[in-house]
Amino acid sequence: MKNRVILPVWLNIYVIIGSIALGILFLCTVTGVFMLTSNKNTAAQSTAILEVIYAATATQASSSVTPQTEQSEASQIPPSPPPGTITVGSHVQVTGTGGEGLRLRIEPSLDGQILMLGSEAEVFRVHEGPREADGYTWWYLVGPFDSSRYGWAVANFLVVVQGP
């Protein structure tokens, strides 16, 4: 027969209670050290930079300007397109797709690889065009806030809107 040491029950209870107390003391110590060594100002501080770009304003022409000079300056400025006409630099909105979206392609052709779908009511900026292909007028569009959203799109599903 082997010799077994039997501990009194009260000693087992004290060992369990002591172990729990030591665990709690260890947890409190680690938490306290962490709180003392951590930086209290953990929020990232940023400074917004606002760049103001002033729009051109009309100025009164001086009397020294000759009519010939005024005419040559006016001929350099192209006439404004009629309202609702898509032009390079205008903003357009996808419409009339029935919620399916507008396919933006790598080239102005129905055979061009589809890069992405423009969502119904999504706004793009026109960067290039028009190009005629496959019986459609195509415009190269780029997302005004996300330049990774781009491609050639058919004008049939675009409406000119004010810029965002």
N, C-alpha and C. Protein backbone atom coordinates (compact mmCIF):
# COMPACT_ATOMS: atom_id res chain seq x y z
N MET A 1 0.82 -1.17 0.00
CA MET A 1 0.00 0.00 0.00
C MET A 1 0.87 1.24 0.00
N LYS A 2 0.49 2.21 -0.82
CA LYS A 2 1.26 3.44 -0.92
C LYS A 2 0.87 4.39 0.20
N ASN A 3 1.85 5.20 0.55
CA ASN A 3 1.56 6.21 1.56
C ASN A 3 0.92 7.41 0.89
N ARG A 4 -0.24 7.75 1.32
CA ARG A 4 -0.95 8.92 0.80
C ARG A 4 -1.06 9.95 1.88
N VAL A 5 -0.81 11.18 1.50
CA VAL A 5 -0.96 12.27 2.47
C VAL A 5 -2.34 12.86 2.25
N ILE A 6 -3.11 12.87 3.23
CA ILE A 6 -4.45 13.44 3.15
C ILE A 6 -4.43 14.75 3.92
N LEU A 7 -4.76 15.83 3.18
CA LEU A 7 -4.78 17.15 3.80
C LEU A 7 -6.16 17.40 4.38
N PRO A 8 -6.18 18.16 5.43
CA PRO A 8 -7.50 18.49 5.98
C PRO A 8 -8.27 19.36 4.99
N VAL A 9 -9.61 19.29 5.03
CA VAL A 9 -10.49 20.01 4.11
C VAL A 9 -10.28 21.51 4.24
N TRP A 10 -10.12 22.00 5.45
CA TRP A 10 -9.95 23.44 5.64
C TRP A 10 -8.70 23.95 4.95
N LEU A 11 -7.65 23.14 4.83
CA LEU A 11 -6.44 23.55 4.15
C LEU A 11 -6.67 23.68 2.64
N ASN A 12 -7.44 22.77 2.05
CA ASN A 12 -7.79 22.85 0.62
C ASN A 12 -8.56 24.13 0.31
N ILE A 13 -9.47 24.50 1.17
CA ILE A 13 -10.26 25.72 0.96
C ILE A 13 -9.34 26.95 1.00
N TYR A 14 -8.39 26.96 1.96
CA TYR A 14 -7.47 28.10 2.05
C TYR A 14 -6.55 28.18 0.83
N VAL A 15 -6.18 27.07 0.29
CA VAL A 15 -5.34 27.07 -0.91
C VAL A 15 -6.12 27.64 -2.09
N ILE A 16 -7.37 27.27 -2.25
CA ILE A 16 -8.21 27.78 -3.35
C ILE A 16 -8.42 29.29 -3.19
N ILE A 17 -8.78 29.72 -1.99
CA ILE A 17 -9.03 31.15 -1.74
C ILE A 17 -7.73 31.94 -1.95
N GLY A 18 -6.62 31.43 -1.51
CA GLY A 18 -5.34 32.11 -1.69
C GLY A 18 -4.96 32.22 -3.16
N SER A 19 -5.23 31.17 -3.92
CA SER A 19 -4.93 31.20 -5.35
C SER A 19 -5.77 32.27 -6.06
N ILE A 20 -7.04 32.34 -5.72
CA ILE A 20 -7.92 33.36 -6.33
C ILE A 20 -7.43 34.76 -5.95
N ALA A 21 -7.06 34.96 -4.70
CA ALA A 21 -6.59 36.28 -4.25
C ALA A 21 -5.30 36.67 -4.97
N LEU A 22 -4.37 35.71 -5.13
CA LEU A 22 -3.14 36.00 -5.85
C LEU A 22 -3.42 36.33 -7.32
N GLY A 23 -4.37 35.65 -7.93
CA GLY A 23 -4.74 35.94 -9.32
C GLY A 23 -5.31 37.35 -9.46
N ILE A 24 -6.19 37.72 -8.55
CA ILE A 24 -6.77 39.08 -8.59
C ILE A 24 -5.68 40.12 -8.37
N LEU A 25 -4.78 39.88 -7.43
CA LEU A 25 -3.69 40.81 -7.16
C LEU A 25 -2.79 40.96 -8.40
N PHE A 26 -2.49 39.86 -9.08
CA PHE A 26 -1.68 39.91 -10.29
C PHE A 26 -2.39 40.70 -11.39
N LEU A 27 -3.68 40.46 -11.59
CA LEU A 27 -4.46 41.16 -12.60
C LEU A 27 -4.49 42.67 -12.32
N CYS A 28 -4.69 43.05 -11.06
CA CYS A 28 -4.70 44.48 -10.70
C CYS A 28 -3.33 45.11 -10.94
N THR A 29 -2.27 44.39 -10.64
CA THR A 29 -0.91 44.92 -10.84
C THR A 29 -0.63 45.15 -12.32
N VAL A 30 -0.98 44.17 -13.16
CA VAL A 30 -0.74 44.31 -14.60
C VAL A 30 -1.57 45.46 -15.16
N THR A 31 -2.82 45.58 -14.76
CA THR A 31 -3.68 46.67 -15.24
C THR A 31 -3.12 48.03 -14.81
N GLY A 32 -2.67 48.13 -13.56
CA GLY A 32 -2.11 49.39 -13.07
C GLY A 32 -0.85 49.79 -13.82
N VAL A 33 0.02 48.83 -14.08
CA VAL A 33 1.25 49.13 -14.83
C VAL A 33 0.91 49.57 -16.25
N PHE A 34 -0.05 48.90 -16.86
CA PHE A 34 -0.46 49.27 -18.22
C PHE A 34 -1.02 50.69 -18.26
N MET A 35 -1.86 51.03 -17.30
CA MET A 35 -2.46 52.37 -17.27
C MET A 35 -1.41 53.44 -17.01
N LEU A 36 -0.41 53.16 -16.22
CA LEU A 36 0.62 54.16 -15.93
C LEU A 36 1.56 54.37 -17.11
N THR A 37 1.82 53.32 -17.86
CA THR A 37 2.77 53.44 -18.97
C THR A 37 2.12 53.84 -20.28
N SER A 38 0.81 53.73 -20.39
CA SER A 38 0.16 54.10 -21.66
C SER A 38 0.05 55.61 -21.77
N ASN A 39 0.05 56.10 -23.02
CA ASN A 39 -0.07 57.52 -23.30
C ASN A 39 -1.52 57.93 -23.11
N LYS A 40 -1.77 58.89 -22.26
CA LYS A 40 -3.15 59.32 -22.00
C LYS A 40 -3.76 60.06 -23.17
N ASN A 41 -2.94 60.60 -24.07
CA ASN A 41 -3.44 61.35 -25.22
C ASN A 41 -3.34 60.46 -26.46
N THR A 42 -4.17 59.42 -26.50
CA THR A 42 -4.10 58.47 -27.61
C THR A 42 -4.87 58.92 -28.84
N ALA A 43 -5.72 59.91 -28.72
CA ALA A 43 -6.49 60.38 -29.87
C ALA A 43 -5.55 61.06 -30.87
N ALA A 44 -5.69 60.66 -32.10
CA ALA A 44 -4.85 61.27 -33.15
C ALA A 44 -5.30 62.70 -33.39
N GLN A 45 -4.33 63.58 -33.40
CA GLN A 45 -4.63 64.97 -33.67
C GLN A 45 -4.29 65.27 -35.11
N SER A 46 -5.19 65.97 -35.76
CA SER A 46 -4.93 66.36 -37.14
C SER A 46 -5.33 67.81 -37.33
N THR A 47 -4.70 68.40 -38.28
CA THR A 47 -4.99 69.79 -38.60
C THR A 47 -5.55 69.83 -40.01
N ALA A 48 -6.72 70.38 -40.12
CA ALA A 48 -7.34 70.51 -41.44
C ALA A 48 -6.69 71.67 -42.18
N ILE A 49 -6.43 71.44 -43.44
CA ILE A 49 -5.86 72.49 -44.28
C ILE A 49 -6.91 72.85 -45.31
N LEU A 50 -7.27 74.09 -45.33
CA LEU A 50 -8.29 74.58 -46.24
C LEU A 50 -7.63 75.50 -47.24
N GLU A 51 -7.76 75.14 -48.50
CA GLU A 51 -7.19 75.97 -49.55
C GLU A 51 -8.34 76.64 -50.28
N VAL A 52 -8.34 77.95 -50.27
CA VAL A 52 -9.40 78.72 -50.91
C VAL A 52 -8.96 79.06 -52.32
N ILE A 53 -9.79 78.71 -53.28
CA ILE A 53 -9.52 79.03 -54.67
C ILE A 53 -10.60 80.02 -55.11
N TYR A 54 -10.18 81.19 -55.42
CA TYR A 54 -11.12 82.24 -55.78
C TYR A 54 -11.53 82.09 -57.24
N ALA A 55 -12.81 82.28 -57.50
CA ALA A 55 -13.31 82.24 -58.88
C ALA A 55 -12.95 83.53 -59.60
N ALA A 56 -12.81 83.43 -60.90
CA ALA A 56 -12.51 84.62 -61.69
C ALA A 56 -13.69 85.59 -61.62
N THR A 57 -13.38 86.86 -61.57
CA THR A 57 -14.42 87.87 -61.53
C THR A 57 -14.32 88.75 -62.76
N ALA A 58 -15.43 89.32 -63.11
CA ALA A 58 -15.44 90.22 -64.26
C ALA A 58 -14.81 91.54 -63.86
N THR A 59 -14.01 92.10 -64.75
CA THR A 59 -13.40 93.40 -64.50
C THR A 59 -13.84 94.36 -65.60
N GLN A 60 -13.88 95.59 -65.25
CA GLN A 60 -14.29 96.59 -66.23
C GLN A 60 -13.13 96.86 -67.18
N ALA A 61 -13.40 96.84 -68.47
CA ALA A 61 -12.36 97.07 -69.47
C ALA A 61 -11.96 98.54 -69.44
N SER A 62 -10.66 98.77 -69.56
CA SER A 62 -10.20 100.16 -69.58
C SER A 62 -10.46 100.76 -70.96
N SER A 63 -10.44 102.04 -71.04
CA SER A 63 -10.73 102.73 -72.30
C SER A 63 -9.61 102.58 -73.31
N SER A 64 -8.42 102.08 -72.86
CA SER A 64 -7.29 101.96 -73.79
C SER A 64 -7.39 100.69 -74.65
N VAL A 65 -8.35 99.81 -74.35
CA VAL A 65 -8.49 98.59 -75.14
C VAL A 65 -9.19 98.93 -76.44
N THR A 66 -8.59 98.48 -77.50
CA THR A 66 -9.17 98.76 -78.81
C THR A 66 -10.21 97.71 -79.15
N PRO A 67 -11.18 98.04 -80.01
CA PRO A 67 -12.19 97.06 -80.40
C PRO A 67 -11.57 95.82 -81.02
N GLN A 68 -10.44 95.95 -81.73
CA GLN A 68 -9.81 94.80 -82.36
C GLN A 68 -9.28 93.84 -81.27
N THR A 69 -8.71 94.38 -80.19
CA THR A 69 -8.22 93.56 -79.10
C THR A 69 -9.36 92.82 -78.43
N GLU A 70 -10.49 93.53 -78.18
CA GLU A 70 -11.65 92.89 -77.57
C GLU A 70 -12.16 91.76 -78.45
N GLN A 71 -12.18 91.95 -79.74
CA GLN A 71 -12.68 90.93 -80.64
C GLN A 71 -11.78 89.71 -80.64
N SER A 72 -10.45 89.91 -80.62
CA SER A 72 -9.54 88.76 -80.64
C SER A 72 -9.61 87.99 -79.33
N GLU A 73 -9.81 88.69 -78.18
CA GLU A 73 -9.96 88.00 -76.90
C GLU A 73 -11.26 87.20 -76.88
N ALA A 74 -12.32 87.76 -77.41
CA ALA A 74 -13.61 87.08 -77.42
C ALA A 74 -13.58 85.86 -78.32
N SER A 75 -12.81 85.90 -79.41
CA SER A 75 -12.77 84.76 -80.32
C SER A 75 -11.98 83.60 -79.72
N GLN A 76 -11.14 83.85 -78.69
CA GLN A 76 -10.38 82.78 -78.06
C GLN A 76 -11.22 81.99 -77.06
N ILE A 77 -12.30 82.55 -76.58
CA ILE A 77 -13.16 81.88 -75.60
C ILE A 77 -14.27 81.16 -76.36
N PRO A 78 -14.33 79.84 -76.23
CA PRO A 78 -15.38 79.13 -76.95
C PRO A 78 -16.74 79.45 -76.35
N PRO A 79 -17.77 79.41 -77.17
CA PRO A 79 -19.10 79.72 -76.64
C PRO A 79 -19.55 78.63 -75.66
N SER A 80 -20.36 79.00 -74.69
CA SER A 80 -20.88 78.05 -73.73
C SER A 80 -21.83 77.09 -74.42
N PRO A 81 -21.77 75.81 -74.06
CA PRO A 81 -22.70 74.86 -74.68
C PRO A 81 -24.10 75.10 -74.14
N PRO A 82 -25.11 74.68 -74.87
CA PRO A 82 -26.47 74.82 -74.37
C PRO A 82 -26.65 74.02 -73.08
N PRO A 83 -27.55 74.44 -72.21
CA PRO A 83 -27.77 73.70 -70.96
C PRO A 83 -28.14 72.24 -71.27
N GLY A 84 -27.57 71.33 -70.50
CA GLY A 84 -27.86 69.92 -70.67
C GLY A 84 -26.96 69.22 -71.66
N THR A 85 -26.02 69.95 -72.28
CA THR A 85 -25.11 69.35 -73.24
C THR A 85 -23.87 68.84 -72.51
N ILE A 86 -23.49 67.60 -72.78
CA ILE A 86 -22.31 67.02 -72.15
C ILE A 86 -21.07 67.60 -72.82
N THR A 87 -20.14 68.09 -71.99
CA THR A 87 -18.87 68.62 -72.48
C THR A 87 -17.77 68.15 -71.55
N VAL A 88 -16.53 68.21 -72.02
CA VAL A 88 -15.40 67.87 -71.17
C VAL A 88 -15.38 68.86 -70.01
N GLY A 89 -15.25 68.36 -68.80
CA GLY A 89 -15.24 69.19 -67.60
C GLY A 89 -16.59 69.25 -66.89
N SER A 90 -17.66 68.84 -67.58
CA SER A 90 -18.97 68.87 -66.92
C SER A 90 -19.15 67.64 -66.05
N HIS A 91 -20.15 67.70 -65.19
CA HIS A 91 -20.49 66.57 -64.34
C HIS A 91 -21.76 65.93 -64.89
N VAL A 92 -21.78 64.61 -64.89
CA VAL A 92 -22.93 63.87 -65.39
C VAL A 92 -23.36 62.85 -64.34
N GLN A 93 -24.64 62.51 -64.41
CA GLN A 93 -25.21 61.55 -63.48
C GLN A 93 -25.76 60.37 -64.27
N VAL A 94 -25.53 59.17 -63.76
CA VAL A 94 -26.04 57.96 -64.39
C VAL A 94 -27.54 57.89 -64.15
N THR A 95 -28.30 57.67 -65.22
CA THR A 95 -29.75 57.61 -65.10
C THR A 95 -30.34 56.70 -66.17
N GLY A 96 -31.51 56.16 -65.89
CA GLY A 96 -32.22 55.36 -66.88
C GLY A 96 -31.74 53.94 -67.04
N THR A 97 -30.99 53.42 -66.07
CA THR A 97 -30.50 52.04 -66.18
C THR A 97 -31.43 51.03 -65.50
N GLY A 98 -32.51 51.52 -64.91
CA GLY A 98 -33.42 50.62 -64.21
C GLY A 98 -32.78 49.98 -62.99
N GLY A 99 -31.79 50.64 -62.40
CA GLY A 99 -31.12 50.11 -61.22
C GLY A 99 -30.00 49.13 -61.53
N GLU A 100 -29.80 48.81 -62.80
CA GLU A 100 -28.76 47.85 -63.16
C GLU A 100 -27.37 48.47 -63.21
N GLY A 101 -27.27 49.78 -63.34
CA GLY A 101 -25.98 50.45 -63.40
C GLY A 101 -25.49 50.59 -64.83
N LEU A 102 -24.51 51.44 -65.01
CA LEU A 102 -23.94 51.74 -66.32
C LEU A 102 -22.55 51.13 -66.41
N ARG A 103 -22.31 50.37 -67.47
CA ARG A 103 -21.00 49.73 -67.67
C ARG A 103 -19.98 50.77 -68.12
N LEU A 104 -18.90 50.88 -67.38
CA LEU A 104 -17.78 51.73 -67.77
C LEU A 104 -16.68 50.82 -68.29
N ARG A 105 -16.25 51.12 -69.53
CA ARG A 105 -15.35 50.21 -70.25
C ARG A 105 -13.97 50.81 -70.42
N ILE A 106 -13.03 49.94 -70.76
CA ILE A 106 -11.64 50.34 -70.94
C ILE A 106 -11.45 51.15 -72.23
N GLU A 107 -12.35 50.96 -73.21
CA GLU A 107 -12.29 51.70 -74.47
C GLU A 107 -13.71 51.98 -74.94
N PRO A 108 -13.90 52.99 -75.79
CA PRO A 108 -15.25 53.34 -76.24
C PRO A 108 -15.77 52.36 -77.29
N SER A 109 -16.19 51.20 -76.83
CA SER A 109 -16.68 50.16 -77.73
C SER A 109 -17.48 49.15 -76.93
N LEU A 110 -18.49 48.57 -77.54
CA LEU A 110 -19.25 47.52 -76.87
C LEU A 110 -18.39 46.28 -76.63
N ASP A 111 -17.30 46.16 -77.38
CA ASP A 111 -16.38 45.04 -77.19
C ASP A 111 -15.33 45.32 -76.12
N GLY A 112 -15.27 46.57 -75.63
CA GLY A 112 -14.27 46.94 -74.62
C GLY A 112 -14.54 46.23 -73.30
N GLN A 113 -13.46 45.87 -72.63
CA GLN A 113 -13.56 45.20 -71.33
C GLN A 113 -14.28 46.11 -70.34
N ILE A 114 -15.20 45.54 -69.56
CA ILE A 114 -15.94 46.30 -68.55
C ILE A 114 -15.04 46.44 -67.32
N LEU A 115 -14.78 47.69 -66.93
CA LEU A 115 -13.94 47.97 -65.77
C LEU A 115 -14.76 47.98 -64.48
N MET A 116 -15.97 48.51 -64.56
CA MET A 116 -16.81 48.66 -63.37
C MET A 116 -18.23 49.03 -63.77
N LEU A 117 -19.13 49.07 -62.80
CA LEU A 117 -20.49 49.52 -63.02
C LEU A 117 -20.69 50.84 -62.28
N GLY A 118 -21.18 51.83 -63.00
CA GLY A 118 -21.57 53.07 -62.35
C GLY A 118 -22.98 52.90 -61.82
N SER A 119 -23.20 53.17 -60.57
CA SER A 119 -24.51 53.00 -59.94
C SER A 119 -25.51 54.03 -60.45
N GLU A 120 -26.78 53.66 -60.43
CA GLU A 120 -27.85 54.60 -60.78
C GLU A 120 -27.73 55.82 -59.87
N ALA A 121 -27.75 57.01 -60.45
CA ALA A 121 -27.66 58.31 -59.76
C ALA A 121 -26.23 58.67 -59.34
N GLU A 122 -25.23 57.86 -59.67
CA GLU A 122 -23.84 58.20 -59.35
C GLU A 122 -23.38 59.33 -60.27
N VAL A 123 -22.56 60.22 -59.73
CA VAL A 123 -22.08 61.39 -60.47
C VAL A 123 -20.62 61.17 -60.86
N PHE A 124 -20.29 61.54 -62.10
CA PHE A 124 -18.93 61.46 -62.63
C PHE A 124 -18.56 62.79 -63.27
N ARG A 125 -17.26 63.00 -63.44
CA ARG A 125 -16.76 64.17 -64.17
C ARG A 125 -16.30 63.69 -65.54
N VAL A 126 -16.66 64.44 -66.59
CA VAL A 126 -16.29 64.08 -67.96
C VAL A 126 -14.86 64.56 -68.21
N HIS A 127 -13.98 63.62 -68.60
CA HIS A 127 -12.57 63.95 -68.84
C HIS A 127 -12.19 63.92 -70.31
N GLU A 128 -12.95 63.19 -71.12
CA GLU A 128 -12.56 63.07 -72.52
C GLU A 128 -13.79 62.68 -73.33
N GLY A 129 -13.74 62.99 -74.60
CA GLY A 129 -14.82 62.61 -75.50
C GLY A 129 -15.26 63.80 -76.31
N PRO A 130 -16.24 63.68 -77.11
CA PRO A 130 -16.99 62.45 -77.39
C PRO A 130 -16.27 61.59 -78.43
N ARG A 131 -16.58 60.31 -78.40
CA ARG A 131 -16.11 59.38 -79.42
C ARG A 131 -17.34 58.64 -79.94
N GLU A 132 -17.38 58.42 -81.23
CA GLU A 132 -18.47 57.69 -81.87
C GLU A 132 -18.00 56.27 -82.16
N ALA A 133 -18.74 55.27 -81.67
CA ALA A 133 -18.40 53.88 -81.94
C ALA A 133 -19.62 53.01 -81.70
N ASP A 134 -19.82 52.03 -82.53
CA ASP A 134 -20.91 51.06 -82.41
C ASP A 134 -22.28 51.73 -82.38
N GLY A 135 -22.40 52.88 -83.03
CA GLY A 135 -23.68 53.57 -83.07
C GLY A 135 -24.00 54.38 -81.81
N TYR A 136 -23.03 54.57 -80.93
CA TYR A 136 -23.24 55.32 -79.69
C TYR A 136 -22.20 56.43 -79.57
N THR A 137 -22.53 57.43 -78.75
CA THR A 137 -21.58 58.47 -78.38
C THR A 137 -21.04 58.12 -77.01
N TRP A 138 -19.72 58.09 -76.90
CA TRP A 138 -19.05 57.66 -75.68
C TRP A 138 -18.31 58.83 -75.03
N TRP A 139 -18.29 58.83 -73.69
CA TRP A 139 -17.56 59.83 -72.91
C TRP A 139 -16.71 59.11 -71.88
N TYR A 140 -15.50 59.64 -71.64
CA TYR A 140 -14.62 59.08 -70.63
C TYR A 140 -14.91 59.76 -69.30
N LEU A 141 -15.33 58.98 -68.31
CA LEU A 141 -15.77 59.51 -67.03
C LEU A 141 -14.81 59.10 -65.91
N VAL A 142 -14.68 59.99 -64.91
CA VAL A 142 -13.87 59.70 -63.72
C VAL A 142 -14.67 60.17 -62.51
N GLY A 143 -14.67 59.36 -61.46
CA GLY A 143 -15.36 59.74 -60.22
C GLY A 143 -14.75 61.00 -59.64
N PRO A 144 -15.56 61.98 -59.24
CA PRO A 144 -15.00 63.24 -58.73
C PRO A 144 -14.30 63.10 -57.39
N PHE A 145 -14.64 62.07 -56.62
CA PHE A 145 -14.01 61.88 -55.31
C PHE A 145 -13.19 60.60 -55.23
N ASP A 146 -13.28 59.77 -56.25
CA ASP A 146 -12.56 58.50 -56.27
C ASP A 146 -12.05 58.25 -57.68
N SER A 147 -10.78 58.59 -57.92
CA SER A 147 -10.22 58.48 -59.27
C SER A 147 -10.05 57.03 -59.73
N SER A 148 -10.29 56.07 -58.84
CA SER A 148 -10.22 54.67 -59.26
C SER A 148 -11.50 54.23 -59.95
N ARG A 149 -12.51 55.09 -59.98
CA ARG A 149 -13.78 54.81 -60.66
C ARG A 149 -13.76 55.58 -61.98
N TYR A 150 -13.49 54.88 -63.09
CA TYR A 150 -13.34 55.54 -64.38
C TYR A 150 -13.69 54.58 -65.50
N GLY A 151 -13.88 55.15 -66.69
CA GLY A 151 -14.09 54.35 -67.88
C GLY A 151 -14.94 55.08 -68.91
N TRP A 152 -15.08 54.46 -70.09
CA TRP A 152 -15.87 55.01 -71.18
C TRP A 152 -17.32 54.55 -71.01
N ALA A 153 -18.25 55.49 -71.17
CA ALA A 153 -19.67 55.17 -71.00
C ALA A 153 -20.48 55.77 -72.14
N VAL A 154 -21.62 55.14 -72.41
CA VAL A 154 -22.53 55.59 -73.46
C VAL A 154 -23.32 56.79 -72.96
N ALA A 155 -23.45 57.81 -73.79
CA ALA A 155 -24.12 59.05 -73.41
C ALA A 155 -25.62 58.87 -73.18
N ASN A 156 -26.22 57.80 -73.71
CA ASN A 156 -27.66 57.59 -73.59
C ASN A 156 -28.12 57.50 -72.13
N PHE A 157 -27.21 57.16 -71.23
CA PHE A 157 -27.58 56.98 -69.83
C PHE A 157 -26.95 58.04 -68.93
N LEU A 158 -26.63 59.21 -69.49
CA LEU A 158 -25.99 60.28 -68.75
C LEU A 158 -26.80 61.56 -68.86
N VAL A 159 -26.89 62.29 -67.76
CA VAL A 159 -27.58 63.58 -67.70
C VAL A 159 -26.63 64.57 -67.05
N VAL A 160 -26.51 65.76 -67.61
CA VAL A 160 -25.65 66.80 -67.06
C VAL A 160 -26.24 67.31 -65.75
N VAL A 161 -25.38 67.43 -64.73
CA VAL A 161 -25.81 67.97 -63.43
C VAL A 161 -24.76 68.96 -62.96
N GLN A 162 -25.11 69.74 -61.94
CA GLN A 162 -24.13 70.63 -61.34
C GLN A 162 -23.11 69.79 -60.59
N GLY A 163 -21.88 70.27 -60.51
CA GLY A 163 -20.82 69.55 -59.84
C GLY A 163 -21.13 69.33 -58.37
N PRO A 164 -20.59 68.26 -57.81
CA PRO A 164 -20.84 67.97 -56.40
C PRO A 164 -20.16 68.95 -55.48
